N, C-alpha and C. Protein backbone atom coordinates (compact mmCIF):
# COMPACT_ATOMS: atom_id res chain seq x y z
N MET A 1 0.71 -1.01 -0.28
CA MET A 1 0.01 0.54 -0.35
C MET A 1 0.66 0.95 -0.03
N VAL A 2 2.36 0.69 -0.28
CA VAL A 2 3.30 2.53 -0.29
C VAL A 2 2.45 3.40 -1.23
N TRP A 3 2.50 2.49 -2.54
CA TRP A 3 2.40 3.12 -3.62
C TRP A 3 1.22 4.30 -3.39
N LEU A 4 -0.06 3.58 -2.70
CA LEU A 4 -0.93 4.07 -2.80
C LEU A 4 -0.83 5.70 -1.54
N ARG A 5 -0.65 5.39 -0.92
CA ARG A 5 -0.33 6.36 0.34
C ARG A 5 0.22 7.29 -0.77
N ARG A 6 1.91 6.97 -1.28
CA ARG A 6 1.92 8.67 -2.26
C ARG A 6 1.45 9.02 -2.91
N THR A 7 0.41 8.38 -3.38
CA THR A 7 -0.87 8.28 -4.21
C THR A 7 -1.62 9.57 -4.10
N THR A 8 -1.97 8.93 -2.71
CA THR A 8 -2.69 10.21 -2.20
C THR A 8 -1.84 11.37 -1.97
N HIS A 9 -0.94 11.73 -1.09
CA HIS A 9 -0.22 12.57 -0.52
C HIS A 9 0.39 13.30 -1.99
N TYR A 10 0.47 12.89 -3.18
CA TYR A 10 0.87 13.72 -4.21
C TYR A 10 -0.47 13.96 -4.84
N LEU A 11 -1.19 13.90 -4.67
CA LEU A 11 -2.80 14.17 -5.19
C LEU A 11 -3.06 15.01 -4.64
N PHE A 12 -3.21 14.77 -3.38
CA PHE A 12 -3.37 16.40 -1.99
C PHE A 12 -2.85 17.62 -2.77
N ILE A 13 -1.04 17.21 -2.34
CA ILE A 13 -0.71 18.86 -2.95
C ILE A 13 -0.73 19.00 -4.33
N VAL A 14 -1.28 18.53 -4.92
CA VAL A 14 -1.23 19.06 -6.64
C VAL A 14 -3.05 19.79 -6.49
N VAL A 15 -3.51 19.36 -5.66
CA VAL A 15 -5.12 19.60 -5.56
C VAL A 15 -4.79 20.88 -5.22
N VAL A 16 -4.42 20.99 -3.88
CA VAL A 16 -3.67 22.72 -3.36
C VAL A 16 -3.39 23.22 -4.05
N ALA A 17 -2.38 22.52 -5.04
CA ALA A 17 -1.31 23.85 -5.56
C ALA A 17 -2.26 24.35 -6.61
N VAL A 18 -3.51 23.90 -7.07
CA VAL A 18 -3.83 23.90 -8.11
C VAL A 18 -5.59 25.21 -7.59
N ASN A 19 -5.97 24.50 -6.54
CA ASN A 19 -6.79 25.73 -5.61
C ASN A 19 -6.05 27.40 -4.97
N SER A 20 -4.64 27.11 -4.94
CA SER A 20 -3.85 28.66 -4.57
C SER A 20 -4.04 28.63 -5.72
N THR A 21 -3.63 28.27 -7.27
CA THR A 21 -4.09 29.28 -8.30
C THR A 21 -4.96 29.84 -8.76
N LEU A 22 -6.33 29.13 -9.26
CA LEU A 22 -7.58 29.24 -8.87
C LEU A 22 -8.03 30.45 -7.98
N LEU A 23 -7.49 30.19 -6.61
CA LEU A 23 -7.65 31.64 -5.86
C LEU A 23 -7.15 33.28 -6.16
N THR A 24 -5.42 32.69 -6.59
CA THR A 24 -5.11 33.98 -6.99
C THR A 24 -5.75 34.52 -8.49
N ILE A 25 -5.88 33.65 -9.12
CA ILE A 25 -6.57 34.00 -9.79
C ILE A 25 -8.74 35.05 -10.08
N ASN A 26 -8.83 34.25 -9.20
CA ASN A 26 -9.95 35.11 -8.87
C ASN A 26 -9.99 36.23 -7.16
N ALA A 27 -9.06 36.41 -7.25
CA ALA A 27 -9.06 37.09 -5.57
C ALA A 27 -7.51 38.72 -5.92
N GLY A 28 -6.68 38.32 -7.24
CA GLY A 28 -5.51 38.45 -7.35
C GLY A 28 -5.61 39.39 -8.84
N ASP A 29 -6.47 40.02 -9.36
CA ASP A 29 -6.32 40.56 -10.37
C ASP A 29 -7.02 41.59 -9.95
N TYR A 30 -7.20 43.00 -10.81
CA TYR A 30 -6.55 44.17 -10.80
C TYR A 30 -8.07 44.63 -10.62
N ILE A 31 -9.41 43.93 -10.85
CA ILE A 31 -10.64 44.27 -10.21
C ILE A 31 -10.41 44.10 -8.77
N PHE A 32 -10.22 43.10 -8.20
CA PHE A 32 -10.18 43.13 -6.65
C PHE A 32 -9.42 43.78 -6.39
N TYR A 33 -8.06 44.68 -6.96
CA TYR A 33 -7.55 45.44 -6.04
C TYR A 33 -7.55 46.64 -6.66
N THR A 34 -8.82 47.25 -7.23
CA THR A 34 -9.32 47.92 -7.14
C THR A 34 -9.30 49.05 -5.94
N ASP A 35 -9.51 48.55 -4.67
CA ASP A 35 -9.71 49.20 -3.51
C ASP A 35 -8.39 48.20 -2.21
N TRP A 36 -7.45 48.04 -3.33
CA TRP A 36 -6.26 47.32 -3.10
C TRP A 36 -5.27 47.85 -1.77
N MET A 37 -5.30 49.19 -1.52
CA MET A 37 -4.43 49.47 -0.57
C MET A 37 -4.94 49.14 0.96
N TRP A 38 -6.39 49.08 0.94
CA TRP A 38 -7.33 48.94 1.87
C TRP A 38 -7.95 47.34 2.52
N THR A 39 -8.88 47.53 1.60
CA THR A 39 -9.90 46.28 2.28
C THR A 39 -8.92 44.82 1.58
N SER A 40 -8.86 45.19 0.25
CA SER A 40 -8.90 43.74 -0.82
C SER A 40 -7.25 43.26 -0.23
N PHE A 41 -6.58 44.19 0.22
CA PHE A 41 -5.06 43.65 0.35
C PHE A 41 -5.55 42.69 1.16
N VAL A 42 -6.06 42.96 2.72
CA VAL A 42 -5.90 42.51 3.92
C VAL A 42 -6.46 40.98 3.25
N VAL A 43 -7.64 40.86 2.58
CA VAL A 43 -8.50 39.65 2.61
C VAL A 43 -7.67 38.87 1.43
N PHE A 44 -6.85 39.26 1.02
CA PHE A 44 -6.16 38.85 -0.43
C PHE A 44 -4.85 37.92 0.09
N SER A 45 -4.33 38.72 1.31
CA SER A 45 -2.83 38.53 2.52
C SER A 45 -3.17 37.56 3.31
N VAL A 46 -4.58 37.31 3.95
CA VAL A 46 -4.69 36.12 4.10
C VAL A 46 -5.59 35.01 3.97
N SER A 47 -6.31 35.29 2.75
CA SER A 47 -5.68 33.93 2.14
C SER A 47 -4.97 33.05 1.39
N GLN A 48 -4.18 34.41 1.05
CA GLN A 48 -2.88 33.48 0.09
C GLN A 48 -2.26 32.68 1.60
N SER A 49 -1.91 33.48 2.25
CA SER A 49 -1.09 32.47 3.69
C SER A 49 -1.28 31.67 3.92
N THR A 50 -3.01 31.49 4.53
CA THR A 50 -3.50 30.51 5.02
C THR A 50 -3.64 28.85 3.99
N MET A 51 -3.78 29.80 2.36
CA MET A 51 -3.43 28.13 1.64
C MET A 51 -2.17 28.42 1.33
N LEU A 52 -0.99 28.64 1.69
CA LEU A 52 0.53 28.39 1.15
C LEU A 52 0.36 27.86 2.65
N ALA A 53 -0.04 28.26 3.81
CA ALA A 53 1.18 27.41 5.25
C ALA A 53 0.27 26.05 4.82
N VAL A 54 -1.25 25.58 4.56
CA VAL A 54 -1.77 24.22 5.15
C VAL A 54 -1.34 23.30 3.68
N GLY A 55 -0.89 23.87 2.35
CA GLY A 55 -0.16 22.70 1.28
C GLY A 55 1.34 22.59 2.11
N ALA A 56 2.02 23.67 2.16
CA ALA A 56 3.75 23.66 2.26
C ALA A 56 3.95 22.93 3.40
N ILE A 57 2.86 23.34 4.68
CA ILE A 57 3.59 22.13 6.06
C ILE A 57 2.59 20.56 5.86
N TYR A 58 1.51 20.56 5.03
CA TYR A 58 1.50 19.22 4.58
C TYR A 58 2.78 18.82 4.04
N TYR A 59 3.15 19.37 3.20
CA TYR A 59 4.36 18.34 2.04
C TYR A 59 5.64 18.24 3.02
N MET A 60 5.73 19.49 3.67
CA MET A 60 6.96 19.26 4.03
C MET A 60 7.39 17.81 5.35
N LEU A 61 5.87 17.40 6.28
CA LEU A 61 6.05 17.11 6.97
C LEU A 61 6.04 16.00 6.03
N PHE A 62 4.92 15.46 5.31
CA PHE A 62 5.11 14.30 4.13
C PHE A 62 6.50 13.97 4.22
N THR A 63 7.23 14.74 3.80
CA THR A 63 8.77 14.51 3.17
C THR A 63 9.86 14.41 4.51
N GLY A 64 9.93 14.97 5.23
CA GLY A 64 10.46 15.13 6.43
C GLY A 64 11.55 16.42 5.63
N VAL A 65 11.73 16.68 5.02
CA VAL A 65 13.34 17.38 4.49
C VAL A 65 12.67 18.87 4.27
N PRO A 66 13.74 19.82 5.15
CA PRO A 66 13.47 21.37 4.61
C PRO A 66 13.91 21.53 3.90
N GLY A 67 12.97 22.71 3.13
CA GLY A 67 13.49 23.05 1.76
C GLY A 67 11.71 22.20 0.97
N THR A 68 11.47 21.47 0.98
CA THR A 68 10.32 21.38 0.86
C THR A 68 8.93 21.81 0.33
N ALA A 69 9.02 23.14 1.74
CA ALA A 69 7.97 23.89 1.88
C ALA A 69 8.29 25.03 0.13
N THR A 70 9.30 25.76 0.73
CA THR A 70 9.79 26.53 -0.74
C THR A 70 9.92 25.46 -2.42
N TYR A 71 9.93 24.36 -2.44
CA TYR A 71 9.48 23.68 -3.96
C TYR A 71 7.84 23.76 -3.99
N TYR A 72 6.97 23.62 -3.04
CA TYR A 72 5.78 23.55 -2.89
C TYR A 72 5.18 24.73 -3.49
N ALA A 73 5.97 25.88 -2.56
CA ALA A 73 5.77 27.17 -3.59
C ALA A 73 6.08 27.52 -4.56
N THR A 74 6.99 27.41 -5.24
CA THR A 74 7.47 27.31 -6.45
C THR A 74 6.49 26.83 -7.21
N ILE A 75 5.97 25.72 -7.06
CA ILE A 75 4.76 24.67 -7.23
C ILE A 75 3.85 25.57 -7.72
N MET A 76 3.39 26.19 -6.95
CA MET A 76 2.32 26.93 -6.75
C MET A 76 2.57 28.44 -8.06
N THR A 77 4.15 29.03 -7.90
CA THR A 77 3.96 29.96 -8.34
C THR A 77 3.97 29.94 -9.90
N ILE A 78 4.70 28.54 -10.32
CA ILE A 78 4.73 28.36 -11.92
C ILE A 78 3.36 27.81 -12.21
N TYR A 79 2.63 27.51 -11.65
CA TYR A 79 0.99 26.89 -12.05
C TYR A 79 -0.11 28.70 -12.32
N THR A 80 0.69 29.54 -11.31
CA THR A 80 -0.08 30.65 -11.47
C THR A 80 0.24 31.75 -13.07
N TRP A 81 1.56 31.26 -13.35
CA TRP A 81 2.36 32.05 -13.88
C TRP A 81 1.39 31.66 -15.56
N VAL A 82 2.04 30.61 -15.19
CA VAL A 82 1.08 29.51 -16.37
C VAL A 82 -0.31 29.76 -16.90
N ALA A 83 -1.34 30.32 -15.54
CA ALA A 83 -2.56 30.25 -15.88
C ALA A 83 -3.10 31.80 -16.15
N LYS A 84 -1.49 32.58 -15.99
CA LYS A 84 -1.88 33.88 -16.38
C LYS A 84 -1.53 33.94 -17.91
N GLY A 85 -1.70 33.31 -18.84
CA GLY A 85 -1.42 32.93 -19.80
C GLY A 85 -2.81 32.74 -20.88
N ALA A 86 -3.54 32.48 -20.00
CA ALA A 86 -4.97 32.12 -20.61
C ALA A 86 -5.40 33.54 -20.61
N TRP A 87 -5.32 34.52 -19.43
CA TRP A 87 -6.15 35.54 -19.94
C TRP A 87 -5.16 36.45 -20.72
N PHE A 88 -3.85 36.05 -20.94
CA PHE A 88 -3.50 36.83 -22.03
C PHE A 88 -3.62 36.80 -23.39
N ALA A 89 -4.06 35.56 -23.32
CA ALA A 89 -4.31 34.83 -24.69
C ALA A 89 -6.01 35.71 -24.60
N LEU A 90 -6.74 36.04 -24.20
CA LEU A 90 -7.89 36.97 -23.96
C LEU A 90 -7.58 38.19 -24.41
N GLY A 91 -6.93 39.12 -24.97
CA GLY A 91 -6.61 40.03 -25.09
C GLY A 91 -6.37 41.11 -23.59
N TYR A 92 -5.77 40.26 -22.47
CA TYR A 92 -5.03 41.39 -21.34
C TYR A 92 -3.77 41.68 -21.41
N PRO A 93 -3.50 42.42 -20.53
CA PRO A 93 -2.26 42.79 -19.95
C PRO A 93 -1.83 41.44 -19.57
N TYR A 94 -0.18 40.55 -19.54
CA TYR A 94 0.14 39.87 -19.24
C TYR A 94 0.24 39.83 -17.31
N ASP A 95 0.26 41.39 -17.38
CA ASP A 95 0.68 41.49 -15.53
C ASP A 95 -0.93 41.83 -14.92
N PHE A 96 -2.13 41.55 -15.45
CA PHE A 96 -3.14 41.53 -15.40
C PHE A 96 -3.87 40.72 -13.76
N ILE A 97 -2.76 39.54 -13.69
CA ILE A 97 -2.74 38.46 -12.54
C ILE A 97 -1.64 39.10 -11.72
N VAL A 98 -1.89 39.21 -10.65
CA VAL A 98 -0.42 39.67 -9.76
C VAL A 98 -0.22 38.52 -8.94
N VAL A 99 0.96 37.73 -9.06
CA VAL A 99 1.34 36.52 -8.65
C VAL A 99 1.75 36.93 -7.18
N PRO A 100 1.38 36.47 -6.35
CA PRO A 100 2.06 36.74 -4.93
C PRO A 100 3.21 36.10 -4.45
N VAL A 101 3.77 36.52 -3.67
CA VAL A 101 5.17 36.15 -3.56
C VAL A 101 5.20 35.05 -2.43
N TRP A 102 5.37 34.07 -2.93
CA TRP A 102 4.87 32.52 -1.43
C TRP A 102 6.41 32.31 -1.38
N ILE A 103 7.38 32.33 -2.37
CA ILE A 103 8.48 31.96 -2.16
C ILE A 103 9.04 32.22 -1.44
N PRO A 104 9.52 33.79 -0.81
CA PRO A 104 9.96 33.80 0.97
C PRO A 104 9.73 33.40 2.27
N SER A 105 8.69 33.47 2.06
CA SER A 105 7.79 33.13 3.25
C SER A 105 7.76 31.48 3.30
N ALA A 106 8.06 30.81 2.49
CA ALA A 106 7.32 29.63 2.82
C ALA A 106 9.01 29.01 2.85
N MET A 107 10.35 30.22 2.70
CA MET A 107 11.64 29.84 3.28
C MET A 107 11.98 30.12 4.13
N LEU A 108 10.87 31.28 5.07
CA LEU A 108 11.23 30.92 5.75
C LEU A 108 10.29 29.91 7.08
N LEU A 109 9.13 28.66 6.76
CA LEU A 109 8.75 28.04 7.29
C LEU A 109 10.00 26.93 6.78
N ASP A 110 10.78 27.05 5.34
CA ASP A 110 11.85 25.94 5.75
C ASP A 110 12.84 25.95 7.05
N LEU A 111 12.87 27.47 7.29
CA LEU A 111 14.23 27.67 8.14
C LEU A 111 13.71 27.35 9.81
N THR A 112 12.51 27.59 9.80
CA THR A 112 12.22 26.99 10.85
C THR A 112 11.99 25.47 11.43
N TYR A 113 11.33 24.59 10.47
CA TYR A 113 12.11 23.34 10.50
C TYR A 113 13.54 23.09 10.82
N TRP A 114 14.22 23.68 10.23
CA TRP A 114 15.32 23.16 9.78
C TRP A 114 16.24 23.80 10.99
N ALA A 115 15.99 24.95 11.38
CA ALA A 115 16.09 25.29 12.99
C ALA A 115 16.00 24.42 14.39
N THR A 116 14.23 24.18 13.80
CA THR A 116 14.24 23.79 15.20
C THR A 116 14.49 21.76 15.26
N ARG A 117 15.24 21.36 14.11
CA ARG A 117 15.58 20.37 14.09
C ARG A 117 14.54 19.38 13.75
N ARG A 118 13.86 19.36 13.13
CA ARG A 118 12.34 18.88 12.35
C ARG A 118 11.38 18.93 13.39
N ASN A 119 11.36 19.86 14.65
CA ASN A 119 10.47 20.07 15.35
C ASN A 119 9.03 20.26 14.70
N LYS A 120 7.59 19.65 14.52
CA LYS A 120 6.72 19.94 14.33
C LYS A 120 5.78 20.72 14.61
N HIS A 121 5.70 20.77 15.40
CA HIS A 121 4.89 21.76 16.64
C HIS A 121 6.12 23.14 16.64
N ALA A 122 6.82 22.97 16.13
CA ALA A 122 7.81 24.74 16.26
C ALA A 122 7.55 24.98 14.99
N ALA A 123 7.42 23.84 14.13
CA ALA A 123 7.22 24.59 12.24
C ALA A 123 5.54 25.80 12.26
N ILE A 124 5.23 24.22 13.51
CA ILE A 124 3.58 25.17 12.85
C ILE A 124 3.38 26.37 13.79
N LEU A 125 3.91 26.23 15.40
CA LEU A 125 3.19 27.80 16.08
C LEU A 125 4.53 28.76 15.17
N ILE A 126 5.75 28.63 15.21
CA ILE A 126 6.81 29.11 14.29
C ILE A 126 6.21 29.91 13.30
N GLY A 127 6.53 28.74 12.38
CA GLY A 127 6.35 28.83 10.91
C GLY A 127 5.64 29.06 10.61
N GLY A 128 4.39 29.09 11.19
CA GLY A 128 2.76 30.09 10.91
C GLY A 128 2.80 30.98 10.97
N SER A 129 3.19 31.38 12.51
CA SER A 129 3.10 32.98 12.42
C SER A 129 4.37 33.36 11.47
N LEU A 130 5.24 32.99 11.28
CA LEU A 130 6.69 33.63 10.14
C LEU A 130 5.54 34.28 8.50
N VAL A 131 4.77 32.74 8.14
CA VAL A 131 4.75 32.98 6.88
C VAL A 131 3.27 34.06 7.22
N GLY A 132 2.64 33.89 8.15
CA GLY A 132 1.46 35.41 8.32
C GLY A 132 1.98 36.72 8.19
N LEU A 133 3.16 36.99 9.03
CA LEU A 133 3.54 38.01 9.61
C LEU A 133 4.33 38.40 8.44
N SER A 134 4.76 37.58 7.43
CA SER A 134 5.90 37.70 6.28
C SER A 134 5.20 38.10 4.41
N PHE A 135 3.80 37.25 4.49
CA PHE A 135 3.30 37.61 3.04
C PHE A 135 3.26 38.92 2.80
N PRO A 136 2.18 39.41 3.75
CA PRO A 136 2.21 40.78 3.46
C PRO A 136 2.60 41.95 3.30
N LEU A 137 4.16 41.51 3.87
CA LEU A 137 5.40 42.85 3.44
C LEU A 137 5.37 42.28 1.86
N PHE A 138 6.16 41.19 1.74
CA PHE A 138 6.50 40.78 0.36
C PHE A 138 5.48 40.97 -0.71
N ASN A 139 4.67 40.58 -0.09
CA ASN A 139 3.68 41.24 -1.45
C ASN A 139 2.86 42.64 -1.61
N MET A 140 3.43 43.25 -0.15
CA MET A 140 3.01 44.77 -0.57
C MET A 140 4.27 45.57 -1.81
N VAL A 141 5.66 44.49 -1.51
CA VAL A 141 6.44 45.20 -2.56
C VAL A 141 6.47 44.57 -4.10
N ASN A 142 5.68 43.67 -3.83
CA ASN A 142 5.47 43.24 -5.13
C ASN A 142 4.70 43.91 -5.84
N LEU A 143 3.41 44.52 -4.90
CA LEU A 143 2.56 45.10 -5.48
C LEU A 143 2.68 46.62 -6.30
N LEU A 144 3.83 47.10 -5.76
CA LEU A 144 4.18 48.76 -5.67
C LEU A 144 4.90 48.49 -7.10
N LEU A 145 5.34 47.42 -7.40
CA LEU A 145 5.99 47.08 -8.87
C LEU A 145 5.64 46.89 -10.04
N VAL A 146 4.25 47.13 -9.77
CA VAL A 146 3.36 46.76 -10.88
C VAL A 146 2.38 47.94 -11.36
N ARG A 147 1.56 48.01 -12.49
CA ARG A 147 1.24 49.21 -12.58
C ARG A 147 -0.12 49.49 -12.31
N ASP A 148 -0.62 50.70 -12.42
CA ASP A 148 -1.13 50.97 -11.24
C ASP A 148 -2.70 50.30 -11.62
N PRO A 149 -3.31 50.02 -10.31
CA PRO A 149 -4.18 48.89 -10.50
C PRO A 149 -5.83 49.48 -10.75
N LEU A 150 -5.93 50.71 -10.47
CA LEU A 150 -7.07 51.40 -10.92
C LEU A 150 -7.48 51.74 -12.25
N GLU A 151 -5.96 52.05 -12.55
CA GLU A 151 -6.25 52.75 -13.95
C GLU A 151 -6.60 51.07 -15.33
N VAL A 152 -5.31 50.39 -14.68
CA VAL A 152 -6.34 48.75 -15.27
C VAL A 152 -6.98 48.14 -14.96
N ALA A 153 -8.07 48.25 -13.83
CA ALA A 153 -8.97 47.84 -13.58
C ALA A 153 -9.71 48.44 -14.77
N PHE A 154 -10.25 50.29 -14.92
CA PHE A 154 -10.69 50.52 -15.58
C PHE A 154 -10.93 50.40 -16.94
N LYS A 155 -9.67 49.88 -17.47
CA LYS A 155 -8.94 49.55 -19.02
C LYS A 155 -9.58 48.62 -19.44
N TYR A 156 -9.09 47.56 -18.34
CA TYR A 156 -9.82 45.93 -18.97
C TYR A 156 -10.67 45.27 -17.24
N PRO A 157 -11.62 46.03 -17.70
CA PRO A 157 -12.75 45.19 -16.58
C PRO A 157 -13.22 43.62 -16.64
N ARG A 158 -13.18 42.67 -15.75
CA ARG A 158 -13.07 41.21 -16.32
C ARG A 158 -15.18 41.19 -16.25
N PRO A 159 -14.59 40.72 -17.59
CA PRO A 159 -16.50 40.36 -18.36
C PRO A 159 -17.09 39.47 -17.13
N THR A 160 -16.84 38.52 -16.44
CA THR A 160 -17.67 37.76 -15.31
C THR A 160 -17.83 38.79 -14.59
N LEU A 161 -17.97 39.39 -14.37
CA LEU A 161 -18.63 40.35 -13.25
C LEU A 161 -19.98 40.92 -13.75
N PRO A 162 -20.56 41.68 -12.89
CA PRO A 162 -21.77 41.48 -13.01
C PRO A 162 -21.48 43.52 -13.06
N ALA A 163 -22.65 43.90 -13.24
CA ALA A 163 -22.28 45.53 -13.42
C ALA A 163 -22.50 46.46 -12.29
N TYR A 164 -23.11 45.96 -11.60
CA TYR A 164 -22.63 46.62 -9.83
C TYR A 164 -20.77 46.60 -8.98
N MET A 165 -20.33 45.62 -10.17
CA MET A 165 -18.99 45.45 -9.24
C MET A 165 -18.61 46.21 -10.45
N THR A 166 -18.25 47.10 -11.10
CA THR A 166 -17.70 48.37 -11.51
C THR A 166 -16.79 48.50 -10.59
N PRO A 167 -15.53 48.86 -11.05
CA PRO A 167 -14.79 50.29 -11.02
C PRO A 167 -15.15 51.15 -9.73
N ILE A 168 -15.15 51.08 -8.34
CA ILE A 168 -14.75 52.65 -8.19
C ILE A 168 -13.39 53.09 -7.56
N GLU A 169 -13.77 54.78 -6.92
CA GLU A 169 -12.89 55.26 -6.81
C GLU A 169 -12.41 54.63 -5.03
N PRO A 170 -10.98 54.06 -4.73
CA PRO A 170 -11.19 53.89 -3.55
C PRO A 170 -10.77 54.34 -2.23
N GLN A 171 -11.54 54.18 -0.99
CA GLN A 171 -12.27 55.32 -0.25
C GLN A 171 -10.64 55.02 1.14
N VAL A 172 -10.04 55.75 0.55
CA VAL A 172 -8.62 56.10 1.23
C VAL A 172 -9.07 55.82 2.53
N GLY A 173 -8.34 55.02 3.80
CA GLY A 173 -8.78 55.34 5.07
C GLY A 173 -10.00 55.22 5.39
N LYS A 174 -10.95 54.66 4.87
CA LYS A 174 -11.65 54.46 5.24
C LYS A 174 -12.07 53.25 6.71
N PHE A 175 -12.02 52.52 6.53
CA PHE A 175 -11.72 51.35 7.42
C PHE A 175 -10.57 51.27 7.90
N TYR A 176 -9.39 51.36 7.65
CA TYR A 176 -8.22 51.23 8.32
C TYR A 176 -6.90 52.45 7.50
N ASN A 177 -5.36 52.46 8.29
CA ASN A 177 -4.42 53.27 7.51
C ASN A 177 -3.64 52.28 7.34
N SER A 178 -3.28 51.24 7.67
CA SER A 178 -2.34 50.60 7.50
C SER A 178 -2.44 48.47 7.00
N PRO A 179 -2.62 48.56 6.25
CA PRO A 179 -3.23 47.53 5.27
C PRO A 179 -2.21 46.41 5.50
N VAL A 180 -0.58 46.74 5.50
CA VAL A 180 0.14 45.83 5.98
C VAL A 180 0.38 45.18 7.27
N ALA A 181 0.43 46.00 8.43
CA ALA A 181 -0.07 45.72 9.68
C ALA A 181 -1.42 44.83 10.12
N LEU A 182 -2.27 45.44 9.73
CA LEU A 182 -3.63 44.72 9.52
C LEU A 182 -3.14 42.48 9.19
N GLY A 183 -2.87 43.37 7.33
CA GLY A 183 -2.96 41.81 6.91
C GLY A 183 -1.65 40.76 7.61
N SER A 184 -0.82 41.43 8.53
CA SER A 184 0.53 40.52 9.16
C SER A 184 -0.26 39.77 10.62
N GLY A 185 -0.82 41.08 10.89
CA GLY A 185 -1.71 40.71 12.32
C GLY A 185 -2.95 39.62 12.16
N ALA A 186 -3.37 39.64 11.43
CA ALA A 186 -4.51 38.61 11.21
C ALA A 186 -4.35 37.43 10.72
N GLY A 187 -3.00 37.40 9.39
CA GLY A 187 -2.29 36.60 8.94
C GLY A 187 -1.50 35.25 10.26
N ALA A 188 -0.85 36.23 10.99
CA ALA A 188 -0.33 35.07 11.82
C ALA A 188 -0.80 35.00 12.38
N VAL A 189 -2.28 35.68 13.17
CA VAL A 189 -3.17 34.70 14.39
C VAL A 189 -3.96 33.47 13.41
N LEU A 190 -4.42 33.50 12.21
CA LEU A 190 -5.50 32.43 11.49
C LEU A 190 -4.37 31.83 11.19
N THR A 191 -2.68 31.69 10.37
CA THR A 191 -1.99 30.85 9.31
C THR A 191 -1.74 30.01 10.68
N VAL A 192 -1.81 29.91 11.62
CA VAL A 192 -0.95 28.76 13.07
C VAL A 192 -1.87 28.06 12.41
N PRO A 193 -3.16 28.03 13.09
CA PRO A 193 -4.52 27.33 12.84
C PRO A 193 -4.62 26.47 12.12
N ILE A 194 -4.38 27.06 10.56
CA ILE A 194 -4.52 26.48 9.11
C ILE A 194 -3.03 25.62 9.30
N ALA A 195 -2.42 26.11 9.60
CA ALA A 195 -0.88 25.13 9.12
C ALA A 195 -0.72 23.91 10.14
N ALA A 196 -1.98 24.05 11.42
CA ALA A 196 -2.11 22.76 12.96
C ALA A 196 -2.76 21.47 11.29
N LEU A 197 -4.20 22.54 10.62
CA LEU A 197 -4.96 21.53 10.22
C LEU A 197 -3.68 21.07 8.76
N GLY A 198 -3.13 21.76 8.44
CA GLY A 198 -1.91 20.80 7.45
C GLY A 198 -1.45 20.20 7.87
N ALA A 199 -0.42 19.82 8.97
CA ALA A 199 -0.54 18.66 10.13
C ALA A 199 -0.88 17.88 10.45
N LYS A 200 -2.38 17.70 10.75
CA LYS A 200 -3.53 16.95 10.79
C LYS A 200 -3.89 16.32 9.88
N LEU A 201 -3.78 17.08 8.55
CA LEU A 201 -4.38 15.97 7.13
C LEU A 201 -3.14 15.15 7.26
N ASN A 202 -1.58 15.57 7.25
CA ASN A 202 -1.05 14.87 6.90
C ASN A 202 -1.09 13.42 8.13
N THR A 203 -1.33 13.51 9.07
CA THR A 203 -1.76 12.18 9.82
C THR A 203 -2.97 11.34 9.96
N TRP A 204 -3.76 12.23 9.70
CA TRP A 204 -4.73 11.32 9.04
C TRP A 204 -5.10 10.64 7.76
N THR A 205 -3.75 11.05 6.95
CA THR A 205 -3.29 10.30 5.59
C THR A 205 -3.23 9.10 5.75
N TYR A 206 -2.20 9.27 6.62
CA TYR A 206 -1.10 8.01 7.06
C TYR A 206 -1.97 7.02 7.74
N ARG A 207 -2.76 7.35 8.77
CA ARG A 207 -3.77 6.28 9.36
C ARG A 207 -4.83 6.36 8.72
N TRP A 208 -5.43 7.13 7.46
CA TRP A 208 -6.60 6.51 6.65
C TRP A 208 -6.03 5.10 5.95
N MET A 209 -4.71 5.68 5.31
CA MET A 209 -3.56 4.32 4.57
C MET A 209 -3.41 3.32 5.02
N ALA A 210 -3.12 3.18 6.32
CA ALA A 210 -2.93 2.02 7.57
C ALA A 210 -4.38 1.47 7.55
N ALA A 211 -5.51 1.97 7.48
CA ALA A 211 -6.83 1.18 7.29
C ALA A 211 -6.37 0.05 5.75
N TRP A 212 -5.97 0.61 4.97
CA TRP A 212 -6.93 0.23 4.18
C TRP A 212 -5.78 -0.85 3.44
N SER A 213 -4.45 -0.70 4.40
CA SER A 213 -3.40 -1.53 4.34
C SER A 213 -3.91 -3.01 5.05
N LYS A 214 -4.74 -2.71 5.74
CA LYS A 214 -5.18 -3.94 6.56
C LYS A 214 -6.38 -4.71 5.68
N TRP A 215 -6.18 -5.01 4.92
CA TRP A 215 -6.76 -5.50 3.43
C TRP A 215 -6.10 -6.17 2.67
N ASP A 216 -4.75 -5.70 2.72
CA ASP A 216 -3.73 -6.01 1.82
C ASP A 216 -3.94 -8.03 2.04
C-alpha cells in the first residue's frame, strides 16, 4: 500500500496547488485590487498565506525534508504564471494577474523546521506565524512594482463580473490606515491553526492508508 499512500499525498499536494492558483486568479486580479490598498489587500493576504501554509506544511511533513515548503511554493508560482497565459490569450495584459510572492515566506517555514531540528510543533507555531507575518510585507513590495491597479481595472474590466461591481474610486482611510500591519496581524493569528490543520491532514492520511493496508 506504499504506492497508494504516496499517490494520495501527491494528489492532495496537486489539488491544493491548483486551488491556490484558482484563488489567485479570482482574488488577485486588478478588479479585486481596485480598493487594494485598504480592504482587498488584507483579504488577499490572509487567503494566500493560509493557502500557502496548509499545503506547504503538509508537503514538508510528508517528506520530512527542510526545503520542501519552498519547492511547494515554487510549484504554486509556476502554476499561476502559466494560468496568467489564459488571460493574456484573451487580450489582457500579462500583468493583469498579480502573482503573489509565496517563496520567501515558504523559505522562512523551511528555515524554522530546519533550525528546530524538524520539530513539527515549532514549525506550526513559529513557522505558521512567520508565514502570516511576512507574506503581506513581501506582497506589498510586489504590488508596488506593477502598474496602477485602478487604471488597469477601468481599462480592462473583467467580463465575468456583474455591472454593480464596476471599479470605483478607493475610499482611502475608510476602514484602516495600515493594510500591511492588519494583514500581518490577522495572518499571523489565522495561519497557525491552518498550519496545524495541514499537519493534521498529513496524520489523517497516514492513518487512512494504514486502515486500507489491513485489507492486503
